[in-house]
Amino acid sequence: IAGCVPAVEIYSIDECFADMSGIENLTELGCQIRQRVLQWVGIPTCVGIAPTKTLAKFCNHLAKRYPDHFRGVVVWGDWNETIRLRALRSQG
C-alpha cells in the first residue's frame, strides 16, 4: 500500500490509513490496492476512502457488507448528500 500513496499510518496488524492527497481517481486506486494486497499477501481486502478516519472505516464496512454492489471499494466523495445520509441511516 505504501508504494501506492504518499504516506501510510499503520492502525493495526490488518488495517491502515493512507494519505490520498493529490490522487484523482480514488476508486481506481482503491481497486489497485485491493489487487496488490491479494496478489502479494494473499488476503482479500476492502477499501474505504473518506476525508476522516471514522468515515473511512464506515466506507470500508459498507464495502465489506455489500461486496457485489461496491466491488470492495467505497469512496465517500463519490456520493451526493442524499446518498451519504441514506448510508448513515442504514447502519442505525
N, C-alpha and C. Protein backbone atom coordinates (compact mmCIF):
# COMPACT_ATOMS: atom_id res chain seq x y z
N ILE A 1 0.83 -1.19 0.00
CA ILE A 1 0.00 0.00 0.00
C ILE A 1 0.87 1.25 0.00
N ALA A 2 1.95 1.19 0.76
CA ALA A 2 2.84 2.36 0.87
C ALA A 2 3.40 2.77 -0.50
N GLY A 3 3.52 1.84 -1.42
CA GLY A 3 4.03 2.16 -2.74
C GLY A 3 3.00 2.83 -3.64
N CYS A 4 1.75 2.90 -3.17
CA CYS A 4 0.67 3.47 -3.98
C CYS A 4 0.25 4.87 -3.56
N VAL A 5 0.63 5.28 -2.35
CA VAL A 5 0.14 6.54 -1.78
C VAL A 5 1.28 7.34 -1.17
N PRO A 6 1.06 8.65 -0.94
CA PRO A 6 2.13 9.48 -0.37
C PRO A 6 2.58 9.06 1.04
N ALA A 7 1.65 8.59 1.88
CA ALA A 7 2.01 8.22 3.25
C ALA A 7 0.99 7.22 3.80
N VAL A 8 1.45 6.38 4.74
CA VAL A 8 0.58 5.39 5.37
C VAL A 8 0.75 5.46 6.88
N GLU A 9 -0.37 5.36 7.58
CA GLU A 9 -0.36 5.26 9.04
C GLU A 9 -0.87 3.88 9.41
N ILE A 10 -0.02 3.06 10.01
CA ILE A 10 -0.43 1.72 10.42
C ILE A 10 -1.34 1.85 11.63
N TYR A 11 -2.51 1.23 11.57
CA TYR A 11 -3.50 1.30 12.64
C TYR A 11 -3.49 0.01 13.46
N SER A 12 -3.38 -1.11 12.80
CA SER A 12 -3.30 -2.41 13.46
C SER A 12 -2.64 -3.39 12.51
N ILE A 13 -2.55 -4.63 12.90
CA ILE A 13 -1.87 -5.63 12.08
C ILE A 13 -2.54 -5.79 10.71
N ASP A 14 -3.85 -5.50 10.64
CA ASP A 14 -4.56 -5.70 9.38
C ASP A 14 -5.31 -4.45 8.90
N GLU A 15 -4.87 -3.29 9.37
CA GLU A 15 -5.57 -2.07 8.99
C GLU A 15 -4.61 -0.88 8.97
N CYS A 16 -4.81 0.00 7.98
CA CYS A 16 -4.01 1.22 7.92
C CYS A 16 -4.84 2.34 7.32
N PHE A 17 -4.34 3.54 7.48
CA PHE A 17 -4.92 4.72 6.87
C PHE A 17 -3.89 5.28 5.91
N ALA A 18 -4.33 5.60 4.71
CA ALA A 18 -3.41 6.09 3.68
C ALA A 18 -3.76 7.53 3.31
N ASP A 19 -2.73 8.32 3.10
CA ASP A 19 -2.89 9.69 2.63
C ASP A 19 -3.17 9.63 1.13
N MET A 20 -4.31 10.15 0.72
CA MET A 20 -4.70 10.13 -0.70
C MET A 20 -4.55 11.50 -1.35
N SER A 21 -3.79 12.38 -0.74
CA SER A 21 -3.61 13.74 -1.27
C SER A 21 -3.09 13.71 -2.70
N GLY A 22 -3.74 14.50 -3.54
CA GLY A 22 -3.28 14.65 -4.91
C GLY A 22 -3.66 13.53 -5.86
N ILE A 23 -4.39 12.55 -5.38
CA ILE A 23 -4.77 11.41 -6.21
C ILE A 23 -6.17 11.69 -6.78
N GLU A 24 -6.31 11.58 -8.08
CA GLU A 24 -7.56 11.95 -8.73
C GLU A 24 -8.59 10.82 -8.76
N ASN A 25 -8.24 9.66 -9.27
CA ASN A 25 -9.22 8.58 -9.38
C ASN A 25 -9.09 7.65 -8.18
N LEU A 26 -9.82 7.97 -7.13
CA LEU A 26 -9.71 7.22 -5.88
C LEU A 26 -10.27 5.81 -5.99
N THR A 27 -11.33 5.64 -6.75
CA THR A 27 -11.90 4.30 -6.92
C THR A 27 -10.90 3.38 -7.61
N GLU A 28 -10.28 3.89 -8.65
CA GLU A 28 -9.27 3.09 -9.37
C GLU A 28 -8.12 2.72 -8.44
N LEU A 29 -7.65 3.69 -7.66
CA LEU A 29 -6.57 3.41 -6.72
C LEU A 29 -7.00 2.37 -5.69
N GLY A 30 -8.21 2.49 -5.19
CA GLY A 30 -8.72 1.51 -4.24
C GLY A 30 -8.71 0.10 -4.81
N CYS A 31 -9.11 -0.02 -6.06
CA CYS A 31 -9.10 -1.33 -6.74
C CYS A 31 -7.67 -1.84 -6.91
N GLN A 32 -6.74 -0.94 -7.24
CA GLN A 32 -5.33 -1.34 -7.37
C GLN A 32 -4.76 -1.81 -6.03
N ILE A 33 -5.10 -1.13 -4.97
CA ILE A 33 -4.64 -1.53 -3.63
C ILE A 33 -5.18 -2.91 -3.28
N ARG A 34 -6.47 -3.13 -3.51
CA ARG A 34 -7.06 -4.44 -3.23
C ARG A 34 -6.34 -5.54 -4.00
N GLN A 35 -6.11 -5.30 -5.29
CA GLN A 35 -5.45 -6.30 -6.13
C GLN A 35 -4.03 -6.56 -5.66
N ARG A 36 -3.31 -5.51 -5.30
CA ARG A 36 -1.93 -5.66 -4.84
C ARG A 36 -1.86 -6.47 -3.55
N VAL A 37 -2.71 -6.17 -2.61
CA VAL A 37 -2.71 -6.91 -1.33
C VAL A 37 -3.07 -8.37 -1.58
N LEU A 38 -4.06 -8.62 -2.42
CA LEU A 38 -4.43 -10.00 -2.72
C LEU A 38 -3.28 -10.74 -3.40
N GLN A 39 -2.64 -10.10 -4.36
CA GLN A 39 -1.54 -10.74 -5.11
C GLN A 39 -0.31 -10.96 -4.23
N TRP A 40 0.08 -9.96 -3.45
CA TRP A 40 1.33 -10.04 -2.71
C TRP A 40 1.19 -10.74 -1.35
N VAL A 41 0.01 -10.62 -0.75
CA VAL A 41 -0.17 -11.16 0.61
C VAL A 41 -1.14 -12.34 0.62
N GLY A 42 -2.03 -12.38 -0.37
CA GLY A 42 -2.98 -13.48 -0.46
C GLY A 42 -4.21 -13.28 0.41
N ILE A 43 -4.46 -12.05 0.82
CA ILE A 43 -5.60 -11.75 1.69
C ILE A 43 -6.57 -10.84 0.95
N PRO A 44 -7.84 -11.27 0.85
CA PRO A 44 -8.82 -10.36 0.25
C PRO A 44 -9.08 -9.18 1.19
N THR A 45 -9.22 -7.99 0.63
CA THR A 45 -9.43 -6.80 1.43
C THR A 45 -10.55 -5.96 0.85
N CYS A 46 -10.95 -4.96 1.60
CA CYS A 46 -11.86 -3.93 1.13
C CYS A 46 -11.23 -2.59 1.45
N VAL A 47 -11.65 -1.57 0.71
CA VAL A 47 -11.07 -0.24 0.87
C VAL A 47 -12.19 0.77 1.06
N GLY A 48 -12.06 1.60 2.10
CA GLY A 48 -12.97 2.71 2.33
C GLY A 48 -12.17 4.00 2.26
N ILE A 49 -12.63 4.94 1.45
CA ILE A 49 -11.91 6.20 1.27
C ILE A 49 -12.84 7.36 1.63
N ALA A 50 -12.38 8.20 2.55
CA ALA A 50 -13.19 9.32 3.03
C ALA A 50 -12.28 10.37 3.66
N PRO A 51 -12.82 11.57 3.93
CA PRO A 51 -11.99 12.64 4.48
C PRO A 51 -11.59 12.47 5.95
N THR A 52 -12.26 11.60 6.68
CA THR A 52 -11.89 11.35 8.08
C THR A 52 -11.68 9.86 8.30
N LYS A 53 -10.96 9.51 9.33
CA LYS A 53 -10.73 8.09 9.63
C LYS A 53 -12.04 7.38 9.96
N THR A 54 -12.91 8.04 10.70
CA THR A 54 -14.19 7.43 11.06
C THR A 54 -15.02 7.13 9.83
N LEU A 55 -15.11 8.09 8.92
CA LEU A 55 -15.87 7.85 7.69
C LEU A 55 -15.18 6.82 6.80
N ALA A 56 -13.86 6.78 6.80
CA ALA A 56 -13.14 5.77 6.02
C ALA A 56 -13.46 4.37 6.55
N LYS A 57 -13.50 4.23 7.87
CA LYS A 57 -13.85 2.93 8.47
C LYS A 57 -15.29 2.56 8.12
N PHE A 58 -16.18 3.55 8.11
CA PHE A 58 -17.58 3.31 7.75
C PHE A 58 -17.67 2.86 6.29
N CYS A 59 -16.96 3.53 5.41
CA CYS A 59 -16.96 3.16 3.99
C CYS A 59 -16.39 1.76 3.80
N ASN A 60 -15.35 1.42 4.54
CA ASN A 60 -14.79 0.08 4.48
C ASN A 60 -15.82 -0.95 4.92
N HIS A 61 -16.56 -0.63 5.98
CA HIS A 61 -17.63 -1.51 6.46
C HIS A 61 -18.66 -1.76 5.35
N LEU A 62 -19.07 -0.69 4.67
CA LEU A 62 -20.04 -0.85 3.58
C LEU A 62 -19.46 -1.68 2.44
N ALA A 63 -18.19 -1.47 2.14
CA ALA A 63 -17.54 -2.24 1.07
C ALA A 63 -17.54 -3.73 1.40
N LYS A 64 -17.32 -4.05 2.67
CA LYS A 64 -17.35 -5.46 3.10
C LYS A 64 -18.76 -6.02 3.11
N ARG A 65 -19.71 -5.22 3.55
CA ARG A 65 -21.08 -5.68 3.71
C ARG A 65 -21.78 -5.90 2.36
N TYR A 66 -21.43 -5.09 1.37
CA TYR A 66 -22.08 -5.17 0.06
C TYR A 66 -21.03 -5.36 -1.05
N PRO A 67 -20.33 -6.49 -1.03
CA PRO A 67 -19.22 -6.69 -1.98
C PRO A 67 -19.65 -6.72 -3.45
N ASP A 68 -20.83 -7.25 -3.74
CA ASP A 68 -21.28 -7.32 -5.13
C ASP A 68 -21.62 -5.94 -5.68
N HIS A 69 -22.12 -5.09 -4.82
CA HIS A 69 -22.52 -3.74 -5.26
C HIS A 69 -21.32 -2.81 -5.43
N PHE A 70 -20.40 -2.84 -4.46
CA PHE A 70 -19.29 -1.88 -4.46
C PHE A 70 -17.97 -2.44 -4.99
N ARG A 71 -17.90 -3.72 -5.25
CA ARG A 71 -16.65 -4.37 -5.70
C ARG A 71 -15.50 -4.15 -4.73
N GLY A 72 -15.84 -3.99 -3.45
CA GLY A 72 -14.80 -3.89 -2.42
C GLY A 72 -14.22 -2.51 -2.19
N VAL A 73 -14.73 -1.48 -2.87
CA VAL A 73 -14.20 -0.13 -2.71
C VAL A 73 -15.36 0.86 -2.59
N VAL A 74 -15.35 1.63 -1.50
CA VAL A 74 -16.35 2.69 -1.33
C VAL A 74 -15.61 4.02 -1.14
N VAL A 75 -15.98 5.00 -1.96
CA VAL A 75 -15.38 6.34 -1.88
C VAL A 75 -16.48 7.33 -1.48
N TRP A 76 -16.37 7.84 -0.28
CA TRP A 76 -17.37 8.77 0.29
C TRP A 76 -17.60 9.97 -0.64
N GLY A 77 -16.56 10.50 -1.21
CA GLY A 77 -16.65 11.68 -2.06
C GLY A 77 -17.38 11.46 -3.36
N ASP A 78 -17.64 10.23 -3.74
CA ASP A 78 -18.38 9.94 -4.97
C ASP A 78 -19.88 10.09 -4.78
N TRP A 79 -20.32 10.23 -3.53
CA TRP A 79 -21.75 10.29 -3.24
C TRP A 79 -22.22 11.71 -2.98
N ASN A 80 -23.46 11.98 -3.37
CA ASN A 80 -24.05 13.27 -3.01
C ASN A 80 -24.60 13.20 -1.58
N GLU A 81 -25.06 14.30 -1.07
CA GLU A 81 -25.51 14.38 0.33
C GLU A 81 -26.66 13.42 0.63
N THR A 82 -27.58 13.26 -0.30
CA THR A 82 -28.72 12.36 -0.10
C THR A 82 -28.25 10.92 0.09
N ILE A 83 -27.33 10.48 -0.74
CA ILE A 83 -26.81 9.11 -0.64
C ILE A 83 -26.03 8.93 0.66
N ARG A 84 -25.25 9.92 1.03
CA ARG A 84 -24.48 9.85 2.28
C ARG A 84 -25.41 9.69 3.48
N LEU A 85 -26.44 10.50 3.53
CA LEU A 85 -27.38 10.41 4.65
C LEU A 85 -28.10 9.07 4.67
N ARG A 86 -28.47 8.57 3.51
CA ARG A 86 -29.13 7.26 3.45
C ARG A 86 -28.18 6.16 3.94
N ALA A 87 -26.92 6.23 3.56
CA ALA A 87 -25.93 5.25 4.01
C ALA A 87 -25.77 5.30 5.53
N LEU A 88 -25.68 6.49 6.08
CA LEU A 88 -25.51 6.64 7.53
C LEU A 88 -26.75 6.12 8.27
N ARG A 89 -27.92 6.41 7.76
CA ARG A 89 -29.17 5.93 8.41
C ARG A 89 -29.30 4.42 8.33
N SER A 90 -28.77 3.81 7.29
CA SER A 90 -28.92 2.36 7.10
C SER A 90 -28.19 1.55 8.16
N GLN A 91 -27.28 2.15 8.85
CA GLN A 91 -26.46 1.42 9.83
C GLN A 91 -26.95 1.63 11.26
N GLY A 92 -28.10 2.22 11.45
CA GLY A 92 -28.62 2.54 12.77
C GLY A 92 -29.11 1.42 13.53
